[in-house]
Amino acid sequence: MEQKQWSYNRLERIEATITDQTAEAIRRGQAETGLSIGELIDRMALNTMPREAGKAILLILENVTITISALSDEERRKALMEVVTTLVALLPASVLNDLFDAALTDRRGSAICANGA
């Protein structure tokens, strides 16, 4: 996932004592997203509502990635299927064909890259 920089007015260094589980969750989040500890905490604490589509998309993808990182492969697949199904249900029917076509195009492109063609 491409990392984008968020702009902050001011950065402040803090020291905190956290549980073992929180520390492990933060490490897992770092490994899954490539974000720093501070960036992860900012996103968790601020639960921001970006005014730009690109930032909203990035925040959604980061949150999904972090949220499912501790799940088994099977549970991760189930969770993603449920999320995707729910999101698709929010779309008007007129958009579904375009979405399906875009998904097929993207998968074909990914398959071509994976096969080295």
PDB file of N, CA and C in Angstrom:
ATOM      1  N   MET A   1       0.844  -1.169   0.000  1.00  0.00           N
ATOM      2  CA  MET A   1       0.000   0.000   0.000  1.00  0.00           C
ATOM      3  C   MET A   1       0.892   1.235   0.000  1.00  0.00           C
ATOM      4  N   GLU A   2       0.590   2.177  -0.886  1.00  0.00           N
ATOM      5  CA  GLU A   2       1.370   3.409  -0.953  1.00  0.00           C
ATOM      6  C   GLU A   2       1.108   4.242   0.295  1.00  0.00           C
ATOM      7  N   GLN A   3       2.187   4.714   0.920  1.00  0.00           N
ATOM      8  CA  GLN A   3       2.056   5.545   2.115  1.00  0.00           C
ATOM      9  C   GLN A   3       2.003   7.008   1.720  1.00  0.00           C
ATOM     10  N   LYS A   4       1.035   7.725   2.269  1.00  0.00           N
ATOM     11  CA  LYS A   4       0.920   9.154   2.034  1.00  0.00           C
ATOM     12  C   LYS A   4       1.159   9.864   3.350  1.00  0.00           C
ATOM     13  N   GLN A   5       1.716  11.055   3.288  1.00  0.00           N
ATOM     14  CA  GLN A   5       1.990  11.829   4.487  1.00  0.00           C
ATOM     15  C   GLN A   5       0.771  12.635   4.885  1.00  0.00           C
ATOM     16  N   TRP A   6       0.452  12.628   6.155  1.00  0.00           N
ATOM     17  CA  TRP A   6      -0.599  13.472   6.702  1.00  0.00           C
ATOM     18  C   TRP A   6       0.090  14.691   7.272  1.00  0.00           C
ATOM     19  N   SER A   7      -0.544  15.819   7.166  1.00  0.00           N
ATOM     20  CA  SER A   7       0.079  17.027   7.706  1.00  0.00           C
ATOM     21  C   SER A   7      -0.476  17.314   9.100  1.00  0.00           C
ATOM     22  N   TYR A   8       0.404  17.656   9.986  1.00  0.00           N
ATOM     23  CA  TYR A   8       0.049  17.961  11.358  1.00  0.00           C
ATOM     24  C   TYR A   8       0.530  19.359  11.685  1.00  0.00           C
ATOM     25  N   ASN A   9      -0.203  20.040  12.554  1.00  0.00           N
ATOM     26  CA  ASN A   9       0.200  21.384  12.949  1.00  0.00           C
ATOM     27  C   ASN A   9       1.453  21.344  13.803  1.00  0.00           C
ATOM     28  N   ARG A  10       1.517  20.377  14.698  1.00  0.00           N
ATOM     29  CA  ARG A  10       2.624  20.336  15.645  1.00  0.00           C
ATOM     30  C   ARG A  10       2.770  18.903  16.144  1.00  0.00           C
ATOM     31  N   LEU A  11       3.987  18.454  16.262  1.00  0.00           N
ATOM     32  CA  LEU A  11       4.245  17.130  16.805  1.00  0.00           C
ATOM     33  C   LEU A  11       4.753  17.266  18.225  1.00  0.00           C
ATOM     34  N   GLU A  12       4.348  16.340  19.077  1.00  0.00           N
ATOM     35  CA  GLU A  12       4.779  16.361  20.467  1.00  0.00           C
ATOM     36  C   GLU A  12       5.200  14.957  20.872  1.00  0.00           C
ATOM     37  N   ARG A  13       6.295  14.871  21.583  1.00  0.00           N
ATOM     38  CA  ARG A  13       6.796  13.581  22.044  1.00  0.00           C
ATOM     39  C   ARG A  13       6.168  13.278  23.410  1.00  0.00           C
ATOM     40  N   ILE A  14       5.636  12.056  23.554  1.00  0.00           N
ATOM     41  CA  ILE A  14       5.075  11.643  24.841  1.00  0.00           C
ATOM     42  C   ILE A  14       5.632  10.286  25.221  1.00  0.00           C
ATOM     43  N   GLU A  15       5.526   9.959  26.495  1.00  0.00           N
ATOM     44  CA  GLU A  15       5.917   8.645  26.988  1.00  0.00           C
ATOM     45  C   GLU A  15       4.669   8.026  27.605  1.00  0.00           C
ATOM     46  N   ALA A  16       4.442   6.761  27.331  1.00  0.00           N
ATOM     47  CA  ALA A  16       3.240   6.109  27.833  1.00  0.00           C
ATOM     48  C   ALA A  16       3.550   4.690  28.278  1.00  0.00           C
ATOM     49  N   THR A  17       2.827   4.228  29.262  1.00  0.00           N
ATOM     50  CA  THR A  17       2.894   2.840  29.700  1.00  0.00           C
ATOM     51  C   THR A  17       1.614   2.170  29.221  1.00  0.00           C
ATOM     52  N   ILE A  18       1.786   1.085  28.463  1.00  0.00           N
ATOM     53  CA  ILE A  18       0.635   0.404  27.873  1.00  0.00           C
ATOM     54  C   ILE A  18       0.699  -1.085  28.189  1.00  0.00           C
ATOM     55  N   THR A  19      -0.398  -1.783  27.985  1.00  0.00           N
ATOM     56  CA  THR A  19      -0.436  -3.219  28.245  1.00  0.00           C
ATOM     57  C   THR A  19       0.355  -3.976  27.181  1.00  0.00           C
ATOM     58  N   ASP A  20       0.707  -5.211  27.501  1.00  0.00           N
ATOM     59  CA  ASP A  20       1.397  -6.072  26.535  1.00  0.00           C
ATOM     60  C   ASP A  20       0.563  -6.227  25.262  1.00  0.00           C
ATOM     61  N   GLN A  21      -0.752  -6.391  25.449  1.00  0.00           N
ATOM     62  CA  GLN A  21      -1.637  -6.589  24.298  1.00  0.00           C
ATOM     63  C   GLN A  21      -1.655  -5.358  23.394  1.00  0.00           C
ATOM     64  N   THR A  22      -1.680  -4.175  23.987  1.00  0.00           N
ATOM     65  CA  THR A  22      -1.667  -2.947  23.189  1.00  0.00           C
ATOM     66  C   THR A  22      -0.355  -2.818  22.433  1.00  0.00           C
ATOM     67  N   ALA A  23       0.748  -3.113  23.101  1.00  0.00           N
ATOM     68  CA  ALA A  23       2.064  -3.035  22.456  1.00  0.00           C
ATOM     69  C   ALA A  23       2.119  -3.995  21.272  1.00  0.00           C
ATOM     70  N   GLU A  24       1.621  -5.204  21.458  1.00  0.00           N
ATOM     71  CA  GLU A  24       1.622  -6.196  20.377  1.00  0.00           C
ATOM     72  C   GLU A  24       0.720  -5.740  19.235  1.00  0.00           C
ATOM     73  N   ALA A  25      -0.428  -5.174  19.558  1.00  0.00           N
ATOM     74  CA  ALA A  25      -1.339  -4.686  18.518  1.00  0.00           C
ATOM     75  C   ALA A  25      -0.691  -3.563  17.716  1.00  0.00           C
ATOM     76  N   ILE A  26       0.039  -2.684  18.396  1.00  0.00           N
ATOM     77  CA  ILE A  26       0.718  -1.591  17.702  1.00  0.00           C
ATOM     78  C   ILE A  26       1.828  -2.144  16.805  1.00  0.00           C
ATOM     79  N   ARG A  27       2.591  -3.099  17.299  1.00  0.00           N
ATOM     80  CA  ARG A  27       3.647  -3.708  16.469  1.00  0.00           C
ATOM     81  C   ARG A  27       3.054  -4.394  15.238  1.00  0.00           C
ATOM     82  N   ARG A  28       1.944  -5.097  15.448  1.00  0.00           N
ATOM     83  CA  ARG A  28       1.268  -5.773  14.338  1.00  0.00           C
ATOM     84  C   ARG A  28       0.763  -4.734  13.332  1.00  0.00           C
ATOM     85  N   GLY A  29       0.203  -3.648  13.846  1.00  0.00           N
ATOM     86  CA  GLY A  29      -0.269  -2.577  12.972  1.00  0.00           C
ATOM     87  C   GLY A  29       0.864  -1.967  12.170  1.00  0.00           C
ATOM     88  N   GLN A  30       2.012  -1.788  12.809  1.00  0.00           N
ATOM     89  CA  GLN A  30       3.191  -1.268  12.107  1.00  0.00           C
ATOM     90  C   GLN A  30       3.607  -2.217  10.988  1.00  0.00           C
ATOM     91  N   ALA A  31       3.674  -3.490  11.315  1.00  0.00           N
ATOM     92  CA  ALA A  31       4.109  -4.484  10.324  1.00  0.00           C
ATOM     93  C   ALA A  31       3.147  -4.538   9.140  1.00  0.00           C
ATOM     94  N   GLU A  32       1.856  -4.435   9.418  1.00  0.00           N
ATOM     95  CA  GLU A  32       0.850  -4.540   8.356  1.00  0.00           C
ATOM     96  C   GLU A  32       0.768  -3.292   7.488  1.00  0.00           C
ATOM     97  N   THR A  33       1.011  -2.115   8.071  1.00  0.00           N
ATOM     98  CA  THR A  33       0.791  -0.867   7.329  1.00  0.00           C
ATOM     99  C   THR A  33       2.049  -0.110   6.961  1.00  0.00           C
ATOM    100  N   GLY A  34       3.154  -0.362   7.679  1.00  0.00           N
ATOM    101  CA  GLY A  34       4.364   0.408   7.441  1.00  0.00           C
ATOM    102  C   GLY A  34       4.351   1.766   8.122  1.00  0.00           C
ATOM    103  N   LEU A  35       3.338   2.029   8.941  1.00  0.00           N
ATOM    104  CA  LEU A  35       3.249   3.303   9.656  1.00  0.00           C
ATOM    105  C   LEU A  35       4.120   3.278  10.903  1.00  0.00           C
ATOM    106  N   SER A  36       4.518   4.448  11.360  1.00  0.00           N
ATOM    107  CA  SER A  36       5.261   4.544  12.619  1.00  0.00           C
ATOM    108  C   SER A  36       4.291   4.405  13.793  1.00  0.00           C
ATOM    109  N   ILE A  37       4.841   4.208  14.987  1.00  0.00           N
ATOM    110  CA  ILE A  37       4.002   4.121  16.185  1.00  0.00           C
ATOM    111  C   ILE A  37       3.174   5.394  16.332  1.00  0.00           C
ATOM    112  N   GLY A  38       3.807   6.535  16.156  1.00  0.00           N
ATOM    113  CA  GLY A  38       3.101   7.803  16.284  1.00  0.00           C
ATOM    114  C   GLY A  38       1.960   7.950  15.288  1.00  0.00           C
ATOM    115  N   GLU A  39       2.210   7.530  14.042  1.00  0.00           N
ATOM    116  CA  GLU A  39       1.164   7.617  13.021  1.00  0.00           C
ATOM    117  C   GLU A  39      -0.024   6.720  13.371  1.00  0.00           C
ATOM    118  N   LEU A  40       0.262   5.512  13.878  1.00  0.00           N
ATOM    119  CA  LEU A  40      -0.820   4.618  14.280  1.00  0.00           C
ATOM    120  C   LEU A  40      -1.629   5.218  15.427  1.00  0.00           C
ATOM    121  N   ILE A  41      -0.950   5.750  16.431  1.00  0.00           N
ATOM    122  CA  ILE A  41      -1.643   6.335  17.580  1.00  0.00           C
ATOM    123  C   ILE A  41      -2.477   7.533  17.134  1.00  0.00           C
ATOM    124  N   ASP A  42      -1.919   8.377  16.261  1.00  0.00           N
ATOM    125  CA  ASP A  42      -2.684   9.518  15.750  1.00  0.00           C
ATOM    126  C   ASP A  42      -3.986   9.056  15.114  1.00  0.00           C
ATOM    127  N   ARG A  43      -3.911   8.040  14.294  1.00  0.00           N
ATOM    128  CA  ARG A  43      -5.113   7.572  13.608  1.00  0.00           C
ATOM    129  C   ARG A  43      -6.114   6.961  14.578  1.00  0.00           C
ATOM    130  N   MET A  44      -5.618   6.194  15.545  1.00  0.00           N
ATOM    131  CA  MET A  44      -6.520   5.585  16.520  1.00  0.00           C
ATOM    132  C   MET A  44      -7.166   6.638  17.413  1.00  0.00           C
ATOM    133  N   ALA A  45      -6.379   7.606  17.850  1.00  0.00           N
ATOM    134  CA  ALA A  45      -6.873   8.604  18.799  1.00  0.00           C
ATOM    135  C   ALA A  45      -7.778   9.636  18.134  1.00  0.00           C
ATOM    136  N   LEU A  46      -7.431  10.049  16.948  1.00  0.00           N
ATOM    137  CA  LEU A  46      -8.178  11.131  16.309  1.00  0.00           C
ATOM    138  C   LEU A  46      -9.433  10.659  15.589  1.00  0.00           C
ATOM    139  N   ASN A  47      -9.408   9.397  15.151  1.00  0.00           N
ATOM    140  CA  ASN A  47     -10.543   8.857  14.398  1.00  0.00           C
ATOM    141  C   ASN A  47     -11.065   9.929  13.437  1.00  0.00           C
ATOM    142  N   THR A  48     -10.176  10.415  12.637  1.00  0.00           N
ATOM    143  CA  THR A  48     -10.438  11.581  11.802  1.00  0.00           C
ATOM    144  C   THR A  48     -11.513  11.347  10.756  1.00  0.00           C
ATOM    145  N   MET A  49     -12.097  12.436  10.330  1.00  0.00           N
ATOM    146  CA  MET A  49     -13.054  12.433   9.234  1.00  0.00           C
ATOM    147  C   MET A  49     -12.489  13.339   8.149  1.00  0.00           C
ATOM    148  N   PRO A  50     -11.642  12.788   7.276  1.00  0.00           N
ATOM    149  CA  PRO A  50     -10.993  13.604   6.244  1.00  0.00           C
ATOM    150  C   PRO A  50     -12.010  14.267   5.318  1.00  0.00           C
ATOM    151  N   ARG A  51     -11.620  15.396   4.782  1.00  0.00           N
ATOM    152  CA  ARG A  51     -12.464  16.128   3.834  1.00  0.00           C
ATOM    153  C   ARG A  51     -12.036  15.864   2.394  1.00  0.00           C
ATOM    154  N   GLU A  52     -11.026  15.014   2.222  1.00  0.00           N
ATOM    155  CA  GLU A  52     -10.544  14.673   0.884  1.00  0.00           C
ATOM    156  C   GLU A  52     -10.702  13.169   0.666  1.00  0.00           C
ATOM    157  N   ALA A  53     -11.158  12.797  -0.526  1.00  0.00           N
ATOM    158  CA  ALA A  53     -11.406  11.383  -0.822  1.00  0.00           C
ATOM    159  C   ALA A  53     -10.147  10.536  -0.656  1.00  0.00           C
ATOM    160  N   GLY A  54      -9.011  11.032  -1.123  1.00  0.00           N
ATOM    161  CA  GLY A  54      -7.768  10.259  -1.032  1.00  0.00           C
ATOM    162  C   GLY A  54      -7.403   9.930   0.410  1.00  0.00           C
ATOM    163  N   LYS A  55      -7.538  10.899   1.299  1.00  0.00           N
ATOM    164  CA  LYS A  55      -7.236  10.665   2.711  1.00  0.00           C
ATOM    165  C   LYS A  55      -8.263   9.727   3.341  1.00  0.00           C
ATOM    166  N   ALA A  56      -9.524   9.864   2.947  1.00  0.00           N
ATOM    167  CA  ALA A  56     -10.565   8.973   3.470  1.00  0.00           C
ATOM    168  C   ALA A  56     -10.292   7.526   3.053  1.00  0.00           C
ATOM    169  N   ILE A  57      -9.924   7.344   1.805  1.00  0.00           N
ATOM    170  CA  ILE A  57      -9.626   5.998   1.297  1.00  0.00           C
ATOM    171  C   ILE A  57      -8.442   5.402   2.054  1.00  0.00           C
ATOM    172  N   LEU A  58      -7.387   6.179   2.222  1.00  0.00           N
ATOM    173  CA  LEU A  58      -6.212   5.702   2.941  1.00  0.00           C
ATOM    174  C   LEU A  58      -6.558   5.320   4.378  1.00  0.00           C
ATOM    175  N   LEU A  59      -7.335   6.155   5.052  1.00  0.00           N
ATOM    176  CA  LEU A  59      -7.726   5.869   6.432  1.00  0.00           C
ATOM    177  C   LEU A  59      -8.557   4.596   6.530  1.00  0.00           C
ATOM    178  N   ILE A  60      -9.488   4.426   5.605  1.00  0.00           N
ATOM    179  CA  ILE A  60     -10.316   3.212   5.590  1.00  0.00           C
ATOM    180  C   ILE A  60      -9.446   1.975   5.390  1.00  0.00           C
ATOM    181  N   LEU A  61      -8.561   2.020   4.399  1.00  0.00           N
ATOM    182  CA  LEU A  61      -7.712   0.857   4.116  1.00  0.00           C
ATOM    183  C   LEU A  61      -6.775   0.538   5.279  1.00  0.00           C
ATOM    184  N   GLU A  62      -6.202   1.571   5.893  1.00  0.00           N
ATOM    185  CA  GLU A  62      -5.332   1.346   7.050  1.00  0.00           C
ATOM    186  C   GLU A  62      -6.108   0.724   8.206  1.00  0.00           C
ATOM    187  N   ASN A  63      -7.311   1.242   8.461  1.00  0.00           N
ATOM    188  CA  ASN A  63      -8.108   0.703   9.558  1.00  0.00           C
ATOM    189  C   ASN A  63      -8.512  -0.744   9.315  1.00  0.00           C
ATOM    190  N   VAL A  64      -8.898  -1.067   8.093  1.00  0.00           N
ATOM    191  CA  VAL A  64      -9.251  -2.451   7.776  1.00  0.00           C
ATOM    192  C   VAL A  64      -8.033  -3.346   7.967  1.00  0.00           C
ATOM    193  N   THR A  65      -6.888  -2.916   7.444  1.00  0.00           N
ATOM    194  CA  THR A  65      -5.662  -3.704   7.545  1.00  0.00           C
ATOM    195  C   THR A  65      -5.294  -3.969   9.005  1.00  0.00           C
ATOM    196  N   ILE A  66      -5.331  -2.933   9.824  1.00  0.00           N
ATOM    197  CA  ILE A  66      -4.996  -3.080  11.245  1.00  0.00           C
ATOM    198  C   ILE A  66      -6.015  -3.968  11.949  1.00  0.00           C
ATOM    199  N   THR A  67      -7.294  -3.747  11.679  1.00  0.00           N
ATOM    200  CA  THR A  67      -8.363  -4.458  12.371  1.00  0.00           C
ATOM    201  C   THR A  67      -8.322  -5.961  12.129  1.00  0.00           C
ATOM    202  N   ILE A  68      -7.966  -6.384  10.926  1.00  0.00           N
ATOM    203  CA  ILE A  68      -7.991  -7.817  10.611  1.00  0.00           C
ATOM    204  C   ILE A  68      -6.624  -8.486  10.749  1.00  0.00           C
ATOM    205  N   SER A  69      -5.611  -7.751  11.171  1.00  0.00           N
ATOM    206  CA  SER A  69      -4.245  -8.288  11.172  1.00  0.00           C
ATOM    207  C   SER A  69      -4.049  -9.486  12.098  1.00  0.00           C
ATOM    208  N   ALA A  70      -4.826  -9.612  13.158  1.00  0.00           N
ATOM    209  CA  ALA A  70      -4.650 -10.729  14.087  1.00  0.00           C
ATOM    210  C   ALA A  70      -5.499 -11.945  13.724  1.00  0.00           C
ATOM    211  N   LEU A  71      -6.324 -11.834  12.708  1.00  0.00           N
ATOM    212  CA  LEU A  71      -7.206 -12.937  12.335  1.00  0.00           C
ATOM    213  C   LEU A  71      -6.461 -14.008  11.542  1.00  0.00           C
ATOM    214  N   SER A  72      -6.970 -15.223  11.630  1.00  0.00           N
ATOM    215  CA  SER A  72      -6.430 -16.287  10.783  1.00  0.00           C
ATOM    216  C   SER A  72      -6.782 -15.968   9.338  1.00  0.00           C
ATOM    217  N   ASP A  73      -6.138 -16.645   8.398  1.00  0.00           N
ATOM    218  CA  ASP A  73      -6.430 -16.410   6.985  1.00  0.00           C
ATOM    219  C   ASP A  73      -7.905 -16.621   6.680  1.00  0.00           C
ATOM    220  N   GLU A  74      -8.480 -17.670   7.236  1.00  0.00           N
ATOM    221  CA  GLU A  74      -9.897 -17.972   6.996  1.00  0.00           C
ATOM    222  C   GLU A  74     -10.804 -16.904   7.596  1.00  0.00           C
ATOM    223  N   GLU A  75     -10.527 -16.481   8.825  1.00  0.00           N
ATOM    224  CA  GLU A  75     -11.333 -15.438   9.468  1.00  0.00           C
ATOM    225  C   GLU A  75     -11.154 -14.103   8.756  1.00  0.00           C
ATOM    226  N   ARG A  76      -9.948 -13.834   8.284  1.00  0.00           N
ATOM    227  CA  ARG A  76      -9.694 -12.606   7.530  1.00  0.00           C
ATOM    228  C   ARG A  76     -10.510 -12.598   6.243  1.00  0.00           C
ATOM    229  N   ARG A  77     -10.535 -13.733   5.547  1.00  0.00           N
ATOM    230  CA  ARG A  77     -11.328 -13.845   4.315  1.00  0.00           C
ATOM    231  C   ARG A  77     -12.803 -13.622   4.603  1.00  0.00           C
ATOM    232  N   LYS A  78     -13.319 -14.247   5.669  1.00  0.00           N
ATOM    233  CA  LYS A  78     -14.729 -14.068   6.034  1.00  0.00           C
ATOM    234  C   LYS A  78     -15.033 -12.603   6.353  1.00  0.00           C
ATOM    235  N   ALA A  79     -14.156 -11.982   7.109  1.00  0.00           N
ATOM    236  CA  ALA A  79     -14.374 -10.584   7.497  1.00  0.00           C
ATOM    237  C   ALA A  79     -14.371  -9.685   6.263  1.00  0.00           C
ATOM    238  N   LEU A  80     -13.410  -9.890   5.377  1.00  0.00           N
ATOM    239  CA  LEU A  80     -13.334  -9.062   4.179  1.00  0.00           C
ATOM    240  C   LEU A  80     -14.545  -9.271   3.268  1.00  0.00           C
ATOM    241  N   MET A  81     -14.994 -10.503   3.139  1.00  0.00           N
ATOM    242  CA  MET A  81     -16.180 -10.780   2.325  1.00  0.00           C
ATOM    243  C   MET A  81     -17.399 -10.056   2.891  1.00  0.00           C
ATOM    244  N   GLU A  82     -17.550 -10.073   4.197  1.00  0.00           N
ATOM    245  CA  GLU A  82     -18.685  -9.399   4.835  1.00  0.00           C
ATOM    246  C   GLU A  82     -18.605  -7.885   4.636  1.00  0.00           C
ATOM    247  N   VAL A  83     -17.408  -7.322   4.800  1.00  0.00           N
ATOM    248  CA  VAL A  83     -17.228  -5.880   4.614  1.00  0.00           C
ATOM    249  C   VAL A  83     -17.520  -5.494   3.165  1.00  0.00           C
ATOM    250  N   VAL A  84     -16.955  -6.230   2.224  1.00  0.00           N
ATOM    251  CA  VAL A  84     -17.154  -5.912   0.810  1.00  0.00           C
ATOM    252  C   VAL A  84     -18.632  -6.046   0.441  1.00  0.00           C
ATOM    253  N   THR A  85     -19.274  -7.101   0.897  1.00  0.00           N
ATOM    254  CA  THR A  85     -20.689  -7.307   0.610  1.00  0.00           C
ATOM    255  C   THR A  85     -21.525  -6.151   1.153  1.00  0.00           C
ATOM    256  N   THR A  86     -21.224  -5.735   2.369  1.00  0.00           N
ATOM    257  CA  THR A  86     -21.964  -4.622   2.977  1.00  0.00           C
ATOM    258  C   THR A  86     -21.725  -3.323   2.214  1.00  0.00           C
ATOM    259  N   LEU A  87     -20.478  -3.061   1.836  1.00  0.00           N
ATOM    260  CA  LEU A  87     -20.178  -1.840   1.084  1.00  0.00           C
ATOM    261  C   LEU A  87     -20.854  -1.833  -0.287  1.00  0.00           C
ATOM    262  N   VAL A  88     -20.845  -2.972  -0.960  1.00  0.00           N
ATOM    263  CA  VAL A  88     -21.485  -3.062  -2.272  1.00  0.00           C
ATOM    264  C   VAL A  88     -22.987  -2.811  -2.144  1.00  0.00           C
ATOM    265  N   ALA A  89     -23.593  -3.268  -1.055  1.00  0.00           N
ATOM    266  CA  ALA A  89     -25.033  -3.066  -0.847  1.00  0.00           C
ATOM    267  C   ALA A  89     -25.389  -1.576  -0.716  1.00  0.00           C
ATOM    268  N   LEU A  90     -24.416  -0.751  -0.374  1.00  0.00           N
ATOM    269  CA  LEU A  90     -24.658   0.689  -0.248  1.00  0.00           C
ATOM    270  C   LEU A  90     -24.714   1.400  -1.597  1.00  0.00           C
ATOM    271  N   LEU A  91     -24.225   0.735  -2.633  1.00  0.00           N
ATOM    272  CA  LEU A  91     -24.156   1.359  -3.957  1.00  0.00           C
ATOM    273  C   LEU A  91     -25.481   1.250  -4.700  1.00  0.00           C
ATOM    274  N   PRO A  92     -25.797   2.266  -5.486  1.00  0.00           N
ATOM    275  CA  PRO A  92     -26.990   2.160  -6.330  1.00  0.00           C
ATOM    276  C   PRO A  92     -26.774   1.086  -7.398  1.00  0.00           C
ATOM    277  N   ALA A  93     -27.845   0.451  -7.812  1.00  0.00           N
ATOM    278  CA  ALA A  93     -27.754  -0.643  -8.784  1.00  0.00           C
ATOM    279  C   ALA A  93     -27.077  -0.190 -10.074  1.00  0.00           C
ATOM    280  N   SER A  94     -27.262   1.051 -10.456  1.00  0.00           N
ATOM    281  CA  SER A  94     -26.677   1.549 -11.704  1.00  0.00           C
ATOM    282  C   SER A  94     -25.151   1.558 -11.680  1.00  0.00           C
ATOM    283  N   VAL A  95     -24.564   1.515 -10.492  1.00  0.00           N
ATOM    284  CA  VAL A  95     -23.107   1.578 -10.361  1.00  0.00           C
ATOM    285  C   VAL A  95     -22.487   0.175 -10.332  1.00  0.00           C
ATOM    286  N   LEU A  96     -23.269  -0.825 -10.016  1.00  0.00           N
ATOM    287  CA  LEU A  96     -22.728  -2.174  -9.808  1.00  0.00           C
ATOM    288  C   LEU A  96     -22.046  -2.749 -11.046  1.00  0.00           C
ATOM    289  N   ASN A  97     -22.614  -2.549 -12.239  1.00  0.00           N
ATOM    290  CA  ASN A  97     -21.963  -3.063 -13.455  1.00  0.00           C
ATOM    291  C   ASN A  97     -20.609  -2.413 -13.672  1.00  0.00           C
ATOM    292  N   ASP A  98     -20.520  -1.096 -13.458  1.00  0.00           N
ATOM    293  CA  ASP A  98     -19.236  -0.403 -13.598  1.00  0.00           C
ATOM    294  C   ASP A  98     -18.227  -0.931 -12.585  1.00  0.00           C
ATOM    295  N   LEU A  99     -18.689  -1.176 -11.369  1.00  0.00           N
ATOM    296  CA  LEU A  99     -17.816  -1.703 -10.324  1.00  0.00           C
ATOM    297  C   LEU A  99     -17.300  -3.091 -10.699  1.00  0.00           C
ATOM    298  N   PHE A 100     -18.192  -3.938 -11.178  1.00  0.00           N
ATOM    299  CA  PHE A 100     -17.808  -5.287 -11.580  1.00  0.00           C
ATOM    300  C   PHE A 100     -16.794  -5.244 -12.721  1.00  0.00           C
ATOM    301  N   ASP A 101     -17.038  -4.397 -13.710  1.00  0.00           N
ATOM    302  CA  ASP A 101     -16.101  -4.264 -14.833  1.00  0.00           C
ATOM    303  C   ASP A 101     -14.738  -3.776 -14.361  1.00  0.00           C
ATOM    304  N   ALA A 102     -14.731  -2.794 -13.455  1.00  0.00           N
ATOM    305  CA  ALA A 102     -13.465  -2.269 -12.935  1.00  0.00           C
ATOM    306  C   ALA A 102     -12.711  -3.339 -12.157  1.00  0.00           C
ATOM    307  N   ALA A 103     -13.443  -4.140 -11.372  1.00  0.00           N
ATOM    308  CA  ALA A 103     -12.806  -5.208 -10.598  1.00  0.00           C
ATOM    309  C   ALA A 103     -12.192  -6.254 -11.517  1.00  0.00           C
ATOM    310  N   LEU A 104     -12.908  -6.624 -12.569  1.00  0.00           N
ATOM    311  CA  LEU A 104     -12.370  -7.598 -13.525  1.00  0.00           C
ATOM    312  C   LEU A 104     -11.131  -7.065 -14.217  1.00  0.00           C
ATOM    313  N   THR A 105     -11.159  -5.820 -14.619  1.00  0.00           N
ATOM    314  CA  THR A 105     -10.006  -5.200 -15.275  1.00  0.00           C
ATOM    315  C   THR A 105      -8.807  -5.194 -14.345  1.00  0.00           C
ATOM    316  N   ASP A 106      -9.033  -4.819 -13.092  1.00  0.00           N
ATOM    317  CA  ASP A 106      -7.951  -4.775 -12.112  1.00  0.00           C
ATOM    318  C   ASP A 106      -7.382  -6.169 -11.863  1.00  0.00           C
ATOM    319  N   ARG A 107      -8.237  -7.168 -11.741  1.00  0.00           N
ATOM    320  CA  ARG A 107      -7.758  -8.539 -11.511  1.00  0.00           C
ATOM    321  C   ARG A 107      -6.975  -9.044 -12.704  1.00  0.00           C
ATOM    322  N   ARG A 108      -7.434  -8.725 -13.917  1.00  0.00           N
ATOM    323  CA  ARG A 108      -6.685  -9.145 -15.111  1.00  0.00           C
ATOM    324  C   ARG A 108      -5.320  -8.508 -15.123  1.00  0.00           C
ATOM    325  N   GLY A 109      -5.252  -7.223 -14.771  1.00  0.00           N
ATOM    326  CA  GLY A 109      -3.973  -6.523 -14.724  1.00  0.00           C
ATOM    327  C   GLY A 109      -3.059  -7.123 -13.680  1.00  0.00           C
ATOM    328  N   SER A 110      -3.622  -7.468 -12.520  1.00  0.00           N
ATOM    329  CA  SER A 110      -2.820  -8.089 -11.455  1.00  0.00           C
ATOM    330  C   SER A 110      -2.331  -9.458 -11.891  1.00  0.00           C
ATOM    331  N   ALA A 111      -3.176 -10.223 -12.579  1.00  0.00           N
ATOM    332  CA  ALA A 111      -2.783 -11.555 -13.038  1.00  0.00           C
ATOM    333  C   ALA A 111      -1.685 -11.457 -14.083  1.00  0.00           C
ATOM    334  N   ILE A 112      -1.790 -10.462 -14.955  1.00  0.00           N
ATOM    335  CA  ILE A 112      -0.769 -10.292 -15.986  1.00  0.00           C
ATOM    336  C   ILE A 112       0.571  -9.965 -15.333  1.00  0.00           C
ATOM    337  N   CYS A 113       0.538  -9.054 -14.339  1.00  0.00           N
ATOM    338  CA  CYS A 113       1.788  -8.687 -13.643  1.00  0.00           C
ATOM    339  C   CYS A 113       2.368  -9.881 -12.892  1.00  0.00           C
ATOM    340  N   ALA A 114       1.504 -10.672 -12.278  1.00  0.00           N
ATOM    341  CA  ALA A 114       1.969 -11.822 -11.498  1.00  0.00           C
ATOM    342  C   ALA A 114       2.580 -12.883 -12.399  1.00  0.00           C
ATOM    343  N   ASN A 115       2.056 -13.011 -13.634  1.00  0.00           N
ATOM    344  CA  ASN A 115       2.562 -14.010 -14.572  1.00  0.00           C
ATOM    345  C   ASN A 115       3.756 -13.512 -15.364  1.00  0.00           C
ATOM    346  N   GLY A 116       4.115 -12.243 -15.151  1.00  0.00           N
ATOM    347  CA  GLY A 116       5.280 -11.706 -15.842  1.00  0.00           C
ATOM    348  C   GLY A 116       5.056 -11.392 -17.306  1.00  0.00           C
ATOM    349  N   ALA A 117       3.798 -11.357 -17.724  1.00  0.00           N
ATOM    350  CA  ALA A 117       3.488 -11.072 -19.132  1.00  0.00           C
ATOM    351  C   ALA A 117       3.505  -9.591 -19.399  1.00  0.00           C
TER     352      ALA A 117
END
